[in-house]
Amino acid sequence: MHIFVERNKKEEAFLRKKVPAINLAKETKNSLRDLVRVMRKEMKSANGIGLSANQIGVSKRLFIAEVPDEQGRLKFYAFVNPEIKKIAGDKALLEEGCLSVPEKYGLVERSYRVTLEALTLEGKKVKVKAWGILAHVFQHEVDHLNGKLFIDKAKEVFKAEKAEKKS
């Protein structure tokens, strides 16, 4: 398993397709947990902070993220069928990178606060209010599931010398 990249035309075509919702009645909890485990390993080995299932070639509406909380402790998220339900507050222009767009960064304007609704791996409905970098990551990953890449929204894109944390 590997992370799909936009410079590979076949992989880019896959990345640009909207991912269908997961029918939890047809999924086993273990298969989703196994997928999350594989995704987390891929994300960590690539030094990322977020990863959508379609970035590893799996057409399932699921993403994971691991972002520091206000105390600097890493908090892990795994969401099934996530949707941004509410956008609030001002826009923030932040630098973004992406594991599927290696060696490029760009300035992307996104909402500073969002409310995300999704299911847990166990099928429980959750609503998460996020702001700052976490809101940015949630929007980035939902974009992935909708077939969009950060380079589609970036105000400017530039080549990166050294890879840092990416979603």
C-alpha atoms as a PDB file:
ATOM      1  CA  MET A   1       0.000   0.000   0.000  1.00  0.00           C
ATOM      2  CA  HIS A   2       1.232   3.492  -0.782  1.00  0.00           C
ATOM      3  CA  ILE A   3      -0.003   7.073  -0.836  1.00  0.00           C
ATOM      4  CA  PHE A   4      -1.400   8.101  -4.216  1.00  0.00           C
ATOM      5  CA  VAL A   5       0.185  11.205  -5.759  1.00  0.00           C
ATOM      6  CA  GLU A   6      -1.194  13.733  -8.244  1.00  0.00           C
ATOM      7  CA  ARG A   7       1.872  13.588 -10.493  1.00  0.00           C
ATOM      8  CA  ASN A   8       0.860  10.004 -11.428  1.00  0.00           C
ATOM      9  CA  LYS A   9      -2.022  10.544 -13.891  1.00  0.00           C
ATOM     10  CA  LYS A  10      -3.835   7.296 -13.031  1.00  0.00           C
ATOM     11  CA  GLU A  11      -3.591   8.007  -9.292  1.00  0.00           C
ATOM     12  CA  GLU A  12      -4.619  11.640  -9.804  1.00  0.00           C
ATOM     13  CA  ALA A  13      -7.757  10.478 -11.652  1.00  0.00           C
ATOM     14  CA  PHE A  14      -8.637   8.311  -8.634  1.00  0.00           C
ATOM     15  CA  LEU A  15      -7.924  11.160  -6.188  1.00  0.00           C
ATOM     16  CA  ARG A  16     -10.241  13.458  -8.125  1.00  0.00           C
ATOM     17  CA  LYS A  17     -13.301  11.199  -7.820  1.00  0.00           C
ATOM     18  CA  LYS A  18     -15.847  11.903  -5.079  1.00  0.00           C
ATOM     19  CA  VAL A  19     -15.804   9.014  -2.616  1.00  0.00           C
ATOM     20  CA  PRO A  20     -19.121   7.279  -1.825  1.00  0.00           C
ATOM     21  CA  ALA A  21     -20.457   7.030   1.726  1.00  0.00           C
ATOM     22  CA  ILE A  22     -19.683   3.928   3.738  1.00  0.00           C
ATOM     23  CA  ASN A  23     -22.628   1.661   4.473  1.00  0.00           C
ATOM     24  CA  LEU A  24     -21.791   0.528   7.998  1.00  0.00           C
ATOM     25  CA  ALA A  25     -24.321  -2.326   7.751  1.00  0.00           C
ATOM     26  CA  LYS A  26     -22.095  -3.875   5.075  1.00  0.00           C
ATOM     27  CA  GLU A  27     -18.780  -3.216   6.849  1.00  0.00           C
ATOM     28  CA  THR A  28     -17.267  -5.074   9.736  1.00  0.00           C
ATOM     29  CA  LYS A  29     -15.895  -2.962  12.541  1.00  0.00           C
ATOM     30  CA  ASN A  30     -12.652  -4.915  12.297  1.00  0.00           C
ATOM     31  CA  SER A  31     -12.235  -4.137   8.586  1.00  0.00           C
ATOM     32  CA  LEU A  32     -12.583  -0.410   9.304  1.00  0.00           C
ATOM     33  CA  ARG A  33     -10.229  -0.634  12.299  1.00  0.00           C
ATOM     34  CA  ASP A  34      -7.701  -2.477  10.123  1.00  0.00           C
ATOM     35  CA  LEU A  35      -8.016   0.223   7.457  1.00  0.00           C
ATOM     36  CA  VAL A  36      -7.501   2.960  10.066  1.00  0.00           C
ATOM     37  CA  ARG A  37      -4.454   1.108  11.422  1.00  0.00           C
ATOM     38  CA  VAL A  38      -2.908   0.914   7.934  1.00  0.00           C
ATOM     39  CA  MET A  39      -3.747   4.558   7.240  1.00  0.00           C
ATOM     40  CA  ARG A  40      -2.250   5.703  10.543  1.00  0.00           C
ATOM     41  CA  LYS A  41       0.972   3.816   9.818  1.00  0.00           C
ATOM     42  CA  GLU A  42       1.182   5.339   6.307  1.00  0.00           C
ATOM     43  CA  MET A  43       0.426   8.831   7.637  1.00  0.00           C
ATOM     44  CA  LYS A  44       3.038   8.627  10.397  1.00  0.00           C
ATOM     45  CA  SER A  45       5.733   7.176   8.149  1.00  0.00           C
ATOM     46  CA  ALA A  46       5.113  10.058   5.712  1.00  0.00           C
ATOM     47  CA  ASN A  47       5.211  12.621   8.550  1.00  0.00           C
ATOM     48  CA  GLY A  48       1.596  13.697   7.929  1.00  0.00           C
ATOM     49  CA  ILE A  49      -1.179  15.011  10.152  1.00  0.00           C
ATOM     50  CA  GLY A  50      -4.152  13.794   8.115  1.00  0.00           C
ATOM     51  CA  LEU A  51      -5.005  11.143   5.541  1.00  0.00           C
ATOM     52  CA  SER A  52      -8.134  10.200   3.625  1.00  0.00           C
ATOM     53  CA  ALA A  53      -8.838   6.616   2.568  1.00  0.00           C
ATOM     54  CA  ASN A  54      -8.813   7.554  -1.117  1.00  0.00           C
ATOM     55  CA  GLN A  55      -5.217   8.762  -0.725  1.00  0.00           C
ATOM     56  CA  ILE A  56      -4.193   5.122  -0.337  1.00  0.00           C
ATOM     57  CA  GLY A  57      -6.456   3.891  -3.132  1.00  0.00           C
ATOM     58  CA  VAL A  58      -9.445   2.907  -0.987  1.00  0.00           C
ATOM     59  CA  SER A  59     -12.779   4.295  -2.153  1.00  0.00           C
ATOM     60  CA  LYS A  60     -14.322   4.716   1.293  1.00  0.00           C
ATOM     61  CA  ARG A  61     -15.534   7.963   2.850  1.00  0.00           C
ATOM     62  CA  LEU A  62     -13.209   7.961   5.837  1.00  0.00           C
ATOM     63  CA  PHE A  63     -10.371  10.118   7.063  1.00  0.00           C
ATOM     64  CA  ILE A  64      -7.989  10.225   9.981  1.00  0.00           C
ATOM     65  CA  ALA A  65      -6.097  13.107  11.550  1.00  0.00           C
ATOM     66  CA  GLU A  66      -3.639  13.560  14.386  1.00  0.00           C
ATOM     67  CA  VAL A  67      -3.270  17.153  15.497  1.00  0.00           C
ATOM     68  CA  PRO A  68      -1.883  18.670  18.717  1.00  0.00           C
ATOM     69  CA  ASP A  69      -4.511  20.014  21.134  1.00  0.00           C
ATOM     70  CA  GLU A  70      -4.167  23.298  23.027  1.00  0.00           C
ATOM     71  CA  GLN A  71      -1.778  21.650  25.505  1.00  0.00           C
ATOM     72  CA  GLY A  72       0.374  20.271  22.698  1.00  0.00           C
ATOM     73  CA  ARG A  73      -0.770  16.654  23.180  1.00  0.00           C
ATOM     74  CA  LEU A  74      -1.516  14.748  19.978  1.00  0.00           C
ATOM     75  CA  LYS A  75      -5.198  13.930  19.553  1.00  0.00           C
ATOM     76  CA  PHE A  76      -6.207  11.229  17.073  1.00  0.00           C
ATOM     77  CA  TYR A  77      -9.416  11.370  15.032  1.00  0.00           C
ATOM     78  CA  ALA A  78     -11.047   8.799  12.738  1.00  0.00           C
ATOM     79  CA  PHE A  79     -14.280   9.773  10.977  1.00  0.00           C
ATOM     80  CA  VAL A  80     -16.670   7.791   8.790  1.00  0.00           C
ATOM     81  CA  ASN A  81     -18.850   9.714   6.299  1.00  0.00           C
ATOM     82  CA  PRO A  82     -17.681  13.139   7.529  1.00  0.00           C
ATOM     83  CA  GLU A  83     -19.441  16.313   6.434  1.00  0.00           C
ATOM     84  CA  ILE A  84     -18.729  19.942   7.210  1.00  0.00           C
ATOM     85  CA  LYS A  85     -22.121  21.106   8.497  1.00  0.00           C
ATOM     86  CA  LYS A  86     -21.331  24.612   9.629  1.00  0.00           C
ATOM     87  CA  ILE A  87     -18.728  27.207   8.761  1.00  0.00           C
ATOM     88  CA  ALA A  88     -18.315  30.124  11.150  1.00  0.00           C
ATOM     89  CA  GLY A  89     -16.076  33.071  11.794  1.00  0.00           C
ATOM     90  CA  ASP A  90     -13.468  34.633   9.621  1.00  0.00           C
ATOM     91  CA  LYS A  91     -11.341  32.955   7.014  1.00  0.00           C
ATOM     92  CA  ALA A  92      -7.728  32.107   7.770  1.00  0.00           C
ATOM     93  CA  LEU A  93      -4.936  31.919   5.211  1.00  0.00           C
ATOM     94  CA  LEU A  94      -2.617  29.083   6.237  1.00  0.00           C
ATOM     95  CA  GLU A  95       0.191  27.197   4.571  1.00  0.00           C
ATOM     96  CA  GLU A  96      -0.841  23.689   3.525  1.00  0.00           C
ATOM     97  CA  GLY A  97       0.967  20.698   2.185  1.00  0.00           C
ATOM     98  CA  CYS A  98      -0.376  17.324   1.164  1.00  0.00           C
ATOM     99  CA  LEU A  99       0.980  13.800   1.131  1.00  0.00           C
ATOM    100  CA  SER A 100      -0.613  13.376  -2.322  1.00  0.00           C
ATOM    101  CA  VAL A 101       1.078  16.519  -3.653  1.00  0.00           C
ATOM    102  CA  PRO A 102       4.657  15.940  -2.535  1.00  0.00           C
ATOM    103  CA  GLU A 103       7.208  18.738  -2.322  1.00  0.00           C
ATOM    104  CA  LYS A 104       4.624  21.491  -2.832  1.00  0.00           C
ATOM    105  CA  TYR A 105       3.031  23.896  -0.380  1.00  0.00           C
ATOM    106  CA  GLY A 106       0.513  26.641  -0.838  1.00  0.00           C
ATOM    107  CA  LEU A 107      -1.424  29.329   0.974  1.00  0.00           C
ATOM    108  CA  VAL A 108      -5.041  28.226   1.310  1.00  0.00           C
ATOM    109  CA  GLU A 109      -7.882  30.303   2.698  1.00  0.00           C
ATOM    110  CA  ARG A 110     -10.348  28.282   4.741  1.00  0.00           C
ATOM    111  CA  SER A 111     -12.869  28.954   7.462  1.00  0.00           C
ATOM    112  CA  TYR A 112     -11.326  29.432  10.885  1.00  0.00           C
ATOM    113  CA  ARG A 113     -14.163  27.505  12.619  1.00  0.00           C
ATOM    114  CA  VAL A 114     -16.194  24.540  11.405  1.00  0.00           C
ATOM    115  CA  THR A 115     -18.606  21.968  12.756  1.00  0.00           C
ATOM    116  CA  LEU A 116     -18.027  18.482  11.400  1.00  0.00           C
ATOM    117  CA  GLU A 117     -20.609  15.707  11.671  1.00  0.00           C
ATOM    118  CA  ALA A 118     -19.597  12.112  11.133  1.00  0.00           C
ATOM    119  CA  LEU A 119     -19.815   8.595  12.486  1.00  0.00           C
ATOM    120  CA  THR A 120     -17.271   6.869  14.668  1.00  0.00           C
ATOM    121  CA  LEU A 121     -15.915   3.482  13.624  1.00  0.00           C
ATOM    122  CA  GLU A 122     -18.613   2.000  15.883  1.00  0.00           C
ATOM    123  CA  GLY A 123     -21.356   3.880  14.018  1.00  0.00           C
ATOM    124  CA  LYS A 124     -22.048   6.485  16.706  1.00  0.00           C
ATOM    125  CA  LYS A 125     -22.988   9.964  15.429  1.00  0.00           C
ATOM    126  CA  VAL A 126     -20.562  12.685  16.503  1.00  0.00           C
ATOM    127  CA  LYS A 127     -20.433  16.432  16.078  1.00  0.00           C
ATOM    128  CA  VAL A 128     -17.036  18.111  16.483  1.00  0.00           C
ATOM    129  CA  LYS A 129     -16.495  21.855  16.636  1.00  0.00           C
ATOM    130  CA  ALA A 130     -13.012  22.717  15.441  1.00  0.00           C
ATOM    131  CA  TRP A 131     -11.034  25.924  14.981  1.00  0.00           C
ATOM    132  CA  GLY A 132      -7.601  26.937  13.806  1.00  0.00           C
ATOM    133  CA  ILE A 133      -5.352  24.255  12.369  1.00  0.00           C
ATOM    134  CA  LEU A 134      -7.792  21.450  13.251  1.00  0.00           C
ATOM    135  CA  ALA A 135     -10.579  23.161  11.278  1.00  0.00           C
ATOM    136  CA  HIS A 136      -8.140  23.571   8.390  1.00  0.00           C
ATOM    137  CA  VAL A 137      -7.212  19.872   8.484  1.00  0.00           C
ATOM    138  CA  PHE A 138     -10.867  18.770   8.624  1.00  0.00           C
ATOM    139  CA  GLN A 139     -11.693  20.916   5.574  1.00  0.00           C
ATOM    140  CA  HIS A 140      -8.604  19.644   3.716  1.00  0.00           C
ATOM    141  CA  GLU A 141      -9.542  15.997   4.317  1.00  0.00           C
ATOM    142  CA  VAL A 142     -13.232  16.449   3.438  1.00  0.00           C
ATOM    143  CA  ASP A 143     -12.054  18.129   0.233  1.00  0.00           C
ATOM    144  CA  HIS A 144     -10.038  14.971  -0.520  1.00  0.00           C
ATOM    145  CA  LEU A 145     -13.154  12.851  -0.116  1.00  0.00           C
ATOM    146  CA  ASN A 146     -14.923  15.195  -2.547  1.00  0.00           C
ATOM    147  CA  GLY A 147     -12.167  14.810  -5.150  1.00  0.00           C
ATOM    148  CA  LYS A 148     -10.462  18.146  -4.513  1.00  0.00           C
ATOM    149  CA  LEU A 149      -6.798  18.858  -3.809  1.00  0.00           C
ATOM    150  CA  PHE A 150      -5.373  21.843  -1.936  1.00  0.00           C
ATOM    151  CA  ILE A 151      -3.656  23.047  -5.118  1.00  0.00           C
ATOM    152  CA  ASP A 152      -7.145  23.703  -6.551  1.00  0.00           C
ATOM    153  CA  LYS A 153      -7.757  26.320  -3.829  1.00  0.00           C
ATOM    154  CA  ALA A 154      -4.270  27.632  -3.089  1.00  0.00           C
ATOM    155  CA  LYS A 155      -3.628  31.346  -3.548  1.00  0.00           C
ATOM    156  CA  GLU A 156      -0.076  30.460  -4.556  1.00  0.00           C
ATOM    157  CA  VAL A 157       1.815  27.168  -4.763  1.00  0.00           C
ATOM    158  CA  PHE A 158       5.535  26.823  -4.237  1.00  0.00           C
ATOM    159  CA  LYS A 159       8.094  24.043  -4.174  1.00  0.00           C
ATOM    160  CA  ALA A 160       9.224  22.936  -0.730  1.00  0.00           C
ATOM    161  CA  GLU A 161      12.843  22.223   0.081  1.00  0.00           C
ATOM    162  CA  LYS A 162      12.265  20.104   3.175  1.00  0.00           C
ATOM    163  CA  ALA A 163       9.150  18.081   3.948  1.00  0.00           C
ATOM    164  CA  GLU A 164       7.361  19.041   7.153  1.00  0.00           C
ATOM    165  CA  LYS A 165       4.021  17.918   8.615  1.00  0.00           C
ATOM    166  CA  LYS A 166       1.375  17.513   5.895  1.00  0.00           C
ATOM    167  CA  SER A 167      -2.242  16.445   5.801  1.00  0.00           C
END
